[in-house]
C-alpha atoms as a PDB file:
ATOM      1  CA  MET A   1     161.739  23.503  50.399  1.00  0.00           C
ATOM      2  CA  ARG A   2     161.641  26.088  53.137  1.00  0.00           C
ATOM      3  CA  GLU A   3     164.768  28.178  53.569  1.00  0.00           C
ATOM      4  CA  TRP A   4     165.911  29.151  57.054  1.00  0.00           C
ATOM      5  CA  PRO A   5     167.977  32.317  57.521  1.00  0.00           C
ATOM      6  CA  ALA A   6     171.512  31.673  58.665  1.00  0.00           C
ATOM      7  CA  GLN A   7     172.374  32.806  62.168  1.00  0.00           C
ATOM      8  CA  ARG A   8     175.530  34.867  62.538  1.00  0.00           C
ATOM      9  CA  HIS A   9     175.810  33.889  66.186  1.00  0.00           C
ATOM     10  CA  LEU A  10     174.141  32.037  69.031  1.00  0.00           C
ATOM     11  CA  CYS A  11     173.148  34.050  72.089  1.00  0.00           C
ATOM     12  CA  THR A  12     171.501  32.915  75.322  1.00  0.00           C
ATOM     13  CA  GLU A  13     171.467  33.507  79.050  1.00  0.00           C
ATOM     14  CA  ALA A  14     174.519  32.357  80.950  1.00  0.00           C
ATOM     15  CA  ASP A  15     174.027  28.855  82.349  1.00  0.00           C
ATOM     16  CA  ALA A  16     176.517  27.031  84.567  1.00  0.00           C
ATOM     17  CA  GLN A  17     174.746  23.713  83.888  1.00  0.00           C
ATOM     18  CA  ARG A  18     175.326  23.763  80.127  1.00  0.00           C
ATOM     19  CA  LEU A  19     178.699  23.134  78.540  1.00  0.00           C
ATOM     20  CA  TYR A  20     180.372  24.060  75.285  1.00  0.00           C
ATOM     21  CA  ALA A  21     183.748  23.516  73.686  1.00  0.00           C
ATOM     22  CA  LEU A  22     185.748  26.215  71.941  1.00  0.00           C
ATOM     23  CA  CYS A  23     187.851  24.240  69.483  1.00  0.00           C
ATOM     24  CA  GLY A  24     190.887  24.782  67.321  1.00  0.00           C
ATOM     25  CA  THR A  25     193.005  22.259  65.474  1.00  0.00           C
ATOM     26  CA  ARG A  26     195.708  22.259  68.171  1.00  0.00           C
ATOM     27  CA  LEU A  27     193.935  23.496  71.302  1.00  0.00           C
ATOM     28  CA  TYR A  28     190.447  23.392  72.787  1.00  0.00           C
ATOM     29  CA  CYS A  29     188.679  24.675  75.882  1.00  0.00           C
ATOM     30  CA  VAL A  30     185.711  23.069  77.693  1.00  0.00           C
ATOM     31  CA  GLU A  31     183.686  25.294  80.026  1.00  0.00           C
ATOM     32  CA  SER A  32     180.131  26.194  80.955  1.00  0.00           C
ATOM     33  CA  LEU A  33     177.967  28.903  79.407  1.00  0.00           C
ATOM     34  CA  ALA A  34     178.720  30.879  82.576  1.00  0.00           C
ATOM     35  CA  GLY A  35     182.471  30.766  82.001  1.00  0.00           C
ATOM     36  CA  THR A  36     183.133  28.292  84.810  1.00  0.00           C
ATOM     37  CA  PHE A  37     185.172  25.091  84.680  1.00  0.00           C
ATOM     38  CA  PRO A  38     183.298  22.331  86.530  1.00  0.00           C
ATOM     39  CA  ASP A  39     184.962  19.107  87.598  1.00  0.00           C
ATOM     40  CA  LEU A  40     183.419  16.532  85.276  1.00  0.00           C
ATOM     41  CA  GLY A  41     184.345  13.604  83.089  1.00  0.00           C
ATOM     42  CA  TRP A  42     185.137   9.957  83.762  1.00  0.00           C
ATOM     43  CA  HIS A  43     188.045   8.954  81.509  1.00  0.00           C
ATOM     44  CA  GLN A  44     190.110  11.064  83.880  1.00  0.00           C
ATOM     45  CA  ALA A  45     187.803  11.743  86.805  1.00  0.00           C
ATOM     46  CA  GLY A  46     186.923  15.432  87.068  1.00  0.00           C
ATOM     47  CA  GLU A  47     189.395  16.507  84.383  1.00  0.00           C
ATOM     48  CA  MET A  48     187.250  17.098  81.277  1.00  0.00           C
ATOM     49  CA  GLY A  49     186.804  20.833  81.836  1.00  0.00           C
ATOM     50  CA  GLY A  50     189.637  23.261  81.183  1.00  0.00           C
ATOM     51  CA  VAL A  51     192.141  23.966  78.423  1.00  0.00           C
ATOM     52  CA  TRP A  52     193.721  21.093  76.472  1.00  0.00           C
ATOM     53  CA  SER A  53     196.400  20.895  73.797  1.00  0.00           C
ATOM     54  CA  PRO A  54     196.542  17.172  72.992  1.00  0.00           C
ATOM     55  CA  PRO A  55     198.342  15.097  74.030  1.00  0.00           C
ATOM     56  CA  ILE A  56     198.407  17.127  77.281  1.00  0.00           C
ATOM     57  CA  LYS A  57     196.092  19.170  79.468  1.00  0.00           C
ATOM     58  CA  LEU A  58     197.191  22.744  80.170  1.00  0.00           C
ATOM     59  CA  LEU A  59     194.802  24.428  82.615  1.00  0.00           C
ATOM     60  CA  ASP A  60     192.007  23.474  84.986  1.00  0.00           C
ATOM     61  CA  GLY A  61     190.637  26.936  84.283  1.00  0.00           C
ATOM     62  CA  TYR A  62     191.181  30.675  84.461  1.00  0.00           C
ATOM     63  CA  TRP A  63     189.416  33.519  86.260  1.00  0.00           C
ATOM     64  CA  ILE A  64     189.390  37.238  85.535  1.00  0.00           C
ATOM     65  CA  GLY A  65     188.792  39.911  88.165  1.00  0.00           C
ATOM     66  CA  LEU A  66     188.609  43.693  88.433  1.00  0.00           C
ATOM     67  CA  ARG A  67     189.240  46.008  91.362  1.00  0.00           C
ATOM     68  CA  ARG A  68     189.880  49.607  92.227  1.00  0.00           C
ATOM     69  CA  ARG A  69     193.577  50.029  92.796  1.00  0.00           C
ATOM     70  CA  GLY A  70     194.455  48.380  96.107  1.00  0.00           C
ATOM     71  CA  GLY A  71     190.907  47.070  96.626  1.00  0.00           C
ATOM     72  CA  THR A  72     189.370  43.599  96.730  1.00  0.00           C
ATOM     73  CA  PRO A  73     188.886  41.916  93.334  1.00  0.00           C
ATOM     74  CA  ILE A  74     185.395  41.395  91.962  1.00  0.00           C
ATOM     75  CA  TRP A  75     185.575  38.186  89.950  1.00  0.00           C
ATOM     76  CA  LEU A  76     183.766  37.700  86.662  1.00  0.00           C
ATOM     77  CA  THR A  77     181.695  34.699  87.735  1.00  0.00           C
ATOM     78  CA  GLN A  78     178.098  35.817  87.055  1.00  0.00           C
ATOM     79  CA  PRO A  79     177.686  36.817  83.402  1.00  0.00           C
ATOM     80  CA  LEU A  80     174.451  38.169  81.990  1.00  0.00           C
ATOM     81  CA  SER A  81     174.734  36.452  78.621  1.00  0.00           C
ATOM     82  CA  TRP A  82     176.791  34.076  76.508  1.00  0.00           C
ATOM     83  CA  GLN A  83     177.337  34.495  72.780  1.00  0.00           C
ATOM     84  CA  LEU A  84     179.049  32.156  70.336  1.00  0.00           C
ATOM     85  CA  ASP A  85     180.355  33.568  67.070  1.00  0.00           C
ATOM     86  CA  PRO A  86     182.177  31.739  64.265  1.00  0.00           C
ATOM     87  CA  ASP A  87     185.502  32.924  65.672  1.00  0.00           C
ATOM     88  CA  GLY A  88     185.013  32.844  69.440  1.00  0.00           C
ATOM     89  CA  ALA A  89     182.767  33.160  72.492  1.00  0.00           C
ATOM     90  CA  THR A  90     181.818  36.278  74.484  1.00  0.00           C
ATOM     91  CA  LEU A  91     180.465  36.635  78.022  1.00  0.00           C
ATOM     92  CA  ALA A  92     178.893  39.947  79.103  1.00  0.00           C
ATOM     93  CA  TYR A  93     178.963  41.231  82.687  1.00  0.00           C
ATOM     94  CA  ALA A  94     177.601  44.185  84.656  1.00  0.00           C
ATOM     95  CA  LEU A  95     179.590  45.318  87.697  1.00  0.00           C
ATOM     96  CA  PRO A  96     177.533  48.090  89.341  1.00  0.00           C
ATOM     97  CA  ALA A  97     179.914  48.240  92.314  1.00  0.00           C
ATOM     98  CA  LEU A  98     182.606  49.459  89.908  1.00  0.00           C
ATOM     99  CA  GLY A  99     180.279  51.310  87.541  1.00  0.00           C
ATOM    100  CA  VAL A 100     181.366  49.361  84.470  1.00  0.00           C
ATOM    101  CA  ARG A 101     180.282  46.735  81.983  1.00  0.00           C
ATOM    102  CA  VAL A 102     182.735  44.066  80.911  1.00  0.00           C
ATOM    103  CA  TRP A 103     182.998  41.706  77.951  1.00  0.00           C
ATOM    104  CA  ARG A 104     185.289  38.661  78.061  1.00  0.00           C
ATOM    105  CA  ARG A 105     185.921  37.249  74.611  1.00  0.00           C
ATOM    106  CA  SER A 106     187.917  34.055  74.110  1.00  0.00           C
ATOM    107  CA  TRP A 107     189.165  32.755  70.781  1.00  0.00           C
ATOM    108  CA  ILE A 108     191.769  30.346  69.469  1.00  0.00           C
ATOM    109  CA  VAL A 109     194.449  31.286  66.959  1.00  0.00           C
ATOM    110  CA  PRO A 110     193.892  29.181  63.800  1.00  0.00           C
ATOM    111  CA  ASP A 111     196.291  26.237  63.545  1.00  0.00           C
ATOM    112  CA  GLN A 112     198.171  27.325  66.683  1.00  0.00           C
ATOM    113  CA  PRO A 113     198.015  26.023  70.299  1.00  0.00           C
ATOM    114  CA  ALA A 114     197.118  29.532  71.506  1.00  0.00           C
ATOM    115  CA  LEU A 115     194.088  30.884  73.372  1.00  0.00           C
ATOM    116  CA  ILE A 116     193.457  34.648  73.423  1.00  0.00           C
ATOM    117  CA  LEU A 117     191.403  36.357  76.149  1.00  0.00           C
ATOM    118  CA  ASP A 118     190.166  39.815  75.153  1.00  0.00           C
ATOM    119  CA  VAL A 119     188.734  41.932  77.983  1.00  0.00           C
ATOM    120  CA  THR A 120     186.797  45.113  77.184  1.00  0.00           C
ATOM    121  CA  ILE A 121     185.757  47.509  79.973  1.00  0.00           C
ATOM    122  CA  GLU A 122     183.224  50.280  79.417  1.00  0.00           C
ATOM    123  CA  PRO A 123     181.505  52.777  81.765  1.00  0.00           C
ATOM    124  CA  ASP A 124     177.970  51.673  82.630  1.00  0.00           C
ATOM    125  CA  GLY A 125     175.543  54.393  81.553  1.00  0.00           C
ATOM    126  CA  ASP A 126     175.897  57.536  83.633  1.00  0.00           C
ATOM    127  CA  ALA A 127     178.129  55.916  86.247  1.00  0.00           C
ATOM    128  CA  ILE A 128     180.909  58.226  87.385  1.00  0.00           C
ATOM    129  CA  PRO A 129     184.362  56.598  87.220  1.00  0.00           C
ATOM    130  CA  GLY A 130     185.881  56.228  90.660  1.00  0.00           C
ATOM    131  CA  GLY A 131     189.543  55.923  89.752  1.00  0.00           C
ATOM    132  CA  ALA A 132     191.741  53.544  87.813  1.00  0.00           C
ATOM    133  CA  LEU A 133     190.761  49.899  87.544  1.00  0.00           C
ATOM    134  CA  GLU A 134     193.057  46.903  87.635  1.00  0.00           C
ATOM    135  CA  CYS A 135     192.121  43.858  85.606  1.00  0.00           C
ATOM    136  CA  GLY A 136     193.857  40.616  86.535  1.00  0.00           C
ATOM    137  CA  VAL A 137     193.724  36.938  85.735  1.00  0.00           C
ATOM    138  CA  VAL A 138     194.346  33.817  87.790  1.00  0.00           C
ATOM    139  CA  LEU A 139     195.422  30.654  85.982  1.00  0.00           C
ATOM    140  CA  ARG A 140     195.297  27.194  87.500  1.00  0.00           C
ATOM    141  CA  SER A 141     197.755  24.985  85.684  1.00  0.00           C
ATOM    142  CA  ASP A 142     197.280  21.211  85.567  1.00  0.00           C
ATOM    143  CA  LEU A 143     199.840  19.927  83.096  1.00  0.00           C
ATOM    144  CA  HIS A 144     199.405  16.193  82.563  1.00  0.00           C
ATOM    145  CA  GLY A 145     198.934  13.648  79.791  1.00  0.00           C
ATOM    146  CA  VAL A 146     195.657  12.578  78.199  1.00  0.00           C
ATOM    147  CA  TRP A 147     193.687   9.452  79.064  1.00  0.00           C
ATOM    148  CA  LEU A 148     195.793   6.259  78.873  1.00  0.00           C
ATOM    149  CA  SER A 149     199.038   8.232  78.687  1.00  0.00           C
ATOM    150  CA  GLU A 150     200.114   6.493  81.874  1.00  0.00           C
ATOM    151  CA  GLN A 151     200.327   3.297  79.808  1.00  0.00           C
ATOM    152  CA  LEU A 152     203.129   5.004  77.883  1.00  0.00           C
ATOM    153  CA  GLY A 153     204.970   5.590  81.122  1.00  0.00           C
ATOM    154  CA  TRP A 154     204.092   9.303  81.313  1.00  0.00           C
ATOM    155  CA  THR A 155     204.237  10.721  84.824  1.00  0.00           C
ATOM    156  CA  ASP A 156     202.622  13.857  86.212  1.00  0.00           C
ATOM    157  CA  GLY A 157     205.188  16.077  87.903  1.00  0.00           C
ATOM    158  CA  LEU A 158     204.842  19.228  89.988  1.00  0.00           C
ATOM    159  CA  ASP A 159     203.918  22.368  88.059  1.00  0.00           C
ATOM    160  CA  VAL A 160     206.168  25.373  88.625  1.00  0.00           C
ATOM    161  CA  ALA A 161     205.811  29.003  87.512  1.00  0.00           C
ATOM    162  CA  SER A 162     208.491  31.536  86.628  1.00  0.00           C
ATOM    163  CA  TYR A 163     208.621  34.921  84.946  1.00  0.00           C
ATOM    164  CA  ARG A 164     210.660  35.182  81.732  1.00  0.00           C
ATOM    165  CA  PRO A 165     211.802  38.791  81.136  1.00  0.00           C
ATOM    166  CA  ASP A 166     212.958  37.899  77.614  1.00  0.00           C
ATOM    167  CA  LEU A 167     209.422  36.790  76.731  1.00  0.00           C
ATOM    168  CA  ARG A 168     207.658  39.301  78.976  1.00  0.00           C
ATOM    169  CA  ALA A 169     205.531  36.387  80.059  1.00  0.00           C
ATOM    170  CA  VAL A 170     204.992  33.828  82.786  1.00  0.00           C
ATOM    171  CA  VAL A 171     206.013  30.267  81.958  1.00  0.00           C
ATOM    172  CA  LEU A 172     204.236  27.348  83.656  1.00  0.00           C
ATOM    173  CA  ALA A 173     206.045  24.042  83.323  1.00  0.00           C
ATOM    174  CA  ASP A 174     205.875  20.455  84.529  1.00  0.00           C
ATOM    175  CA  ARG A 175     209.045  19.755  86.485  1.00  0.00           C
ATOM    176  CA  ASP A 176     209.316  16.178  85.215  1.00  0.00           C
ATOM    177  CA  ASN A 177     208.459  16.835  81.555  1.00  0.00           C
ATOM    178  CA  ALA A 178     210.461  19.553  79.820  1.00  0.00           C
ATOM    179  CA  GLY A 179     208.113  19.755  76.827  1.00  0.00           C
ATOM    180  CA  TRP A 180     204.947  20.363  78.890  1.00  0.00           C
ATOM    181  CA  THR A 181     204.877  24.132  79.043  1.00  0.00           C
ATOM    182  CA  ILE A 182     202.443  27.062  78.989  1.00  0.00           C
ATOM    183  CA  CYS A 183     203.472  30.602  78.122  1.00  0.00           C
ATOM    184  CA  ALA A 184     201.118  33.372  79.342  1.00  0.00           C
ATOM    185  CA  GLY A 185     201.650  37.018  78.477  1.00  0.00           C
ATOM    186  CA  ALA A 186     199.768  40.224  77.714  1.00  0.00           C
ATOM    187  CA  ALA A 187     199.418  41.583  74.201  1.00  0.00           C
ATOM    188  CA  SER A 188     200.637  44.894  75.629  1.00  0.00           C
ATOM    189  CA  PRO A 189     203.198  43.640  78.169  1.00  0.00           C
ATOM    190  CA  SER A 190     204.076  47.045  79.611  1.00  0.00           C
ATOM    191  CA  SER A 191     200.554  47.378  81.024  1.00  0.00           C
ATOM    192  CA  TRP A 192     200.784  44.231  83.150  1.00  0.00           C
ATOM    193  CA  GLY A 193     202.946  43.552  86.136  1.00  0.00           C
ATOM    194  CA  ARG A 194     201.700  43.573  89.717  1.00  0.00           C
ATOM    195  CA  THR A 195     199.648  40.797  91.230  1.00  0.00           C
ATOM    196  CA  PHE A 196     196.418  40.592  93.162  1.00  0.00           C
ATOM    197  CA  GLY A 197     197.745  39.932  96.680  1.00  0.00           C
ATOM    198  CA  GLY A 198     198.599  36.253  96.900  1.00  0.00           C
ATOM    199  CA  GLN A 199     197.456  33.905  94.179  1.00  0.00           C
ATOM    200  CA  SER A 200     193.875  33.303  95.175  1.00  0.00           C
ATOM    201  CA  ALA A 201     191.037  32.130  92.953  1.00  0.00           C
ATOM    202  CA  PRO A 202     187.448  33.422  93.304  1.00  0.00           C
ATOM    203  CA  ARG A 203     185.485  32.449  96.374  1.00  0.00           C
ATOM    204  CA  GLY A 204     183.828  29.103  95.830  1.00  0.00           C
ATOM    205  CA  VAL A 205     186.678  27.846  93.672  1.00  0.00           C
ATOM    206  CA  ALA A 206     188.881  25.225  95.285  1.00  0.00           C
ATOM    207  CA  ALA A 207     192.434  26.200  96.091  1.00  0.00           C
ATOM    208  CA  ALA A 208     194.854  25.710  93.206  1.00  0.00           C
ATOM    209  CA  ARG A 209     196.224  22.191  93.065  1.00  0.00           C
ATOM    210  CA  ARG A 210     199.115  23.293  90.887  1.00  0.00           C
ATOM    211  CA  SER A 211     200.366  26.804  90.374  1.00  0.00           C
ATOM    212  CA  GLY A 212     198.595  30.054  89.622  1.00  0.00           C
ATOM    213  CA  ILE A 213     199.442  33.625  88.689  1.00  0.00           C
ATOM    214  CA  ALA A 214     197.613  36.923  88.713  1.00  0.00           C
ATOM    215  CA  ALA A 215     198.574  39.811  86.465  1.00  0.00           C
ATOM    216  CA  PRO A 216     196.564  43.057  86.665  1.00  0.00           C
ATOM    217  CA  ARG A 217     196.235  45.501  83.846  1.00  0.00           C
ATOM    218  CA  THR A 218     195.371  49.098  84.788  1.00  0.00           C
ATOM    219  CA  ALA A 219     192.516  50.666  82.843  1.00  0.00           C
ATOM    220  CA  PRO A 220     192.144  54.485  82.839  1.00  0.00           C
ATOM    221  CA  PRO A 221     189.002  55.993  84.419  1.00  0.00           C
ATOM    222  CA  ALA A 222     187.954  57.459  81.067  1.00  0.00           C
ATOM    223  CA  ARG A 223     184.501  57.512  79.469  1.00  0.00           C
ATOM    224  CA  ALA A 224     185.836  55.591  76.494  1.00  0.00           C
ATOM    225  CA  CYS A 225     186.200  51.847  76.807  1.00  0.00           C
ATOM    226  CA  ALA A 226     189.518  50.170  77.552  1.00  0.00           C
ATOM    227  CA  SER A 227     190.545  46.759  76.309  1.00  0.00           C
ATOM    228  CA  SER A 228     193.410  44.348  76.764  1.00  0.00           C
ATOM    229  CA  SER A 229     194.377  40.868  75.612  1.00  0.00           C
ATOM    230  CA  LEU A 230     196.097  37.962  77.326  1.00  0.00           C
ATOM    231  CA  VAL A 231     197.831  35.292  75.250  1.00  0.00           C
ATOM    232  CA  LEU A 232     197.936  31.705  76.576  1.00  0.00           C
ATOM    233  CA  ARG A 233     200.016  29.338  74.502  1.00  0.00           C
ATOM    234  CA  ALA A 234     201.238  25.772  74.789  1.00  0.00           C
ATOM    235  CA  GLN A 235     204.946  26.263  74.313  1.00  0.00           C
ATOM    236  CA  PRO A 236     207.217  23.403  73.313  1.00  0.00           C
ATOM    237  CA  THR A 237     209.690  26.037  72.081  1.00  0.00           C
ATOM    238  CA  LEU A 238     208.873  28.871  74.526  1.00  0.00           C
ATOM    239  CA  ARG A 239     208.412  31.386  71.738  1.00  0.00           C
ATOM    240  CA  LEU A 240     205.808  34.093  72.390  1.00  0.00           C
ATOM    241  CA  LEU A 241     203.380  35.163  69.698  1.00  0.00           C
ATOM    242  CA  SER A 242     204.354  38.433  68.050  1.00  0.00           C
ATOM    243  CA  THR A 243     202.883  41.430  69.896  1.00  0.00           C
ATOM    244  CA  PRO A 244     202.485  45.115  69.092  1.00  0.00           C
ATOM    245  CA  SER A 245     205.560  47.205  69.880  1.00  0.00           C
END
């Protein structure tokens, strides 16, 4: 019998036409190999993509952008490669306009309804840093029940967003269903705060149907890389994951 060497990871070119699911026991995310969230599916028309924590959907998607302080965001929508490891997925980007390379790694906390987005920023070769960078994220919430939940009398209310100083996080909630809640906060909360002007998604992405937030993180213009993490958690109890002090 021929033995095949085990692969530690899968790596390929980014492809918006191919899908994958990043799965945990209490949360999963469906997106393309380009990190986009297409409208697809027929059980609930156009709702298959995004972040789910059964029995509810949490997000239609999320988008990360970088900019020079006060400038226009450059959204991470055209990755060079996609890599799947046993514990998560990584998209690699080159942003020559900013002189940096970026890696967006997503992974799910074992046995928890929590998605972590790790963003690593590194100078690209001999590029000269041009000042501090701000890294922000836009979330598009779409809190509603799974397929056939309407037969249980579940209704889909308006999503609302509010900042919780006690959690150092933004809470997204369905107005008609108190238990349908998302808690989104940075692993180093003091480094997040201001927003990209307005709450706009990348060009080519439809306007948010629900509610969205943007929360930049400032990265120093140093030669060493900078990294940050954003925690997204389905929150029936509104308790944030423990974070470094």
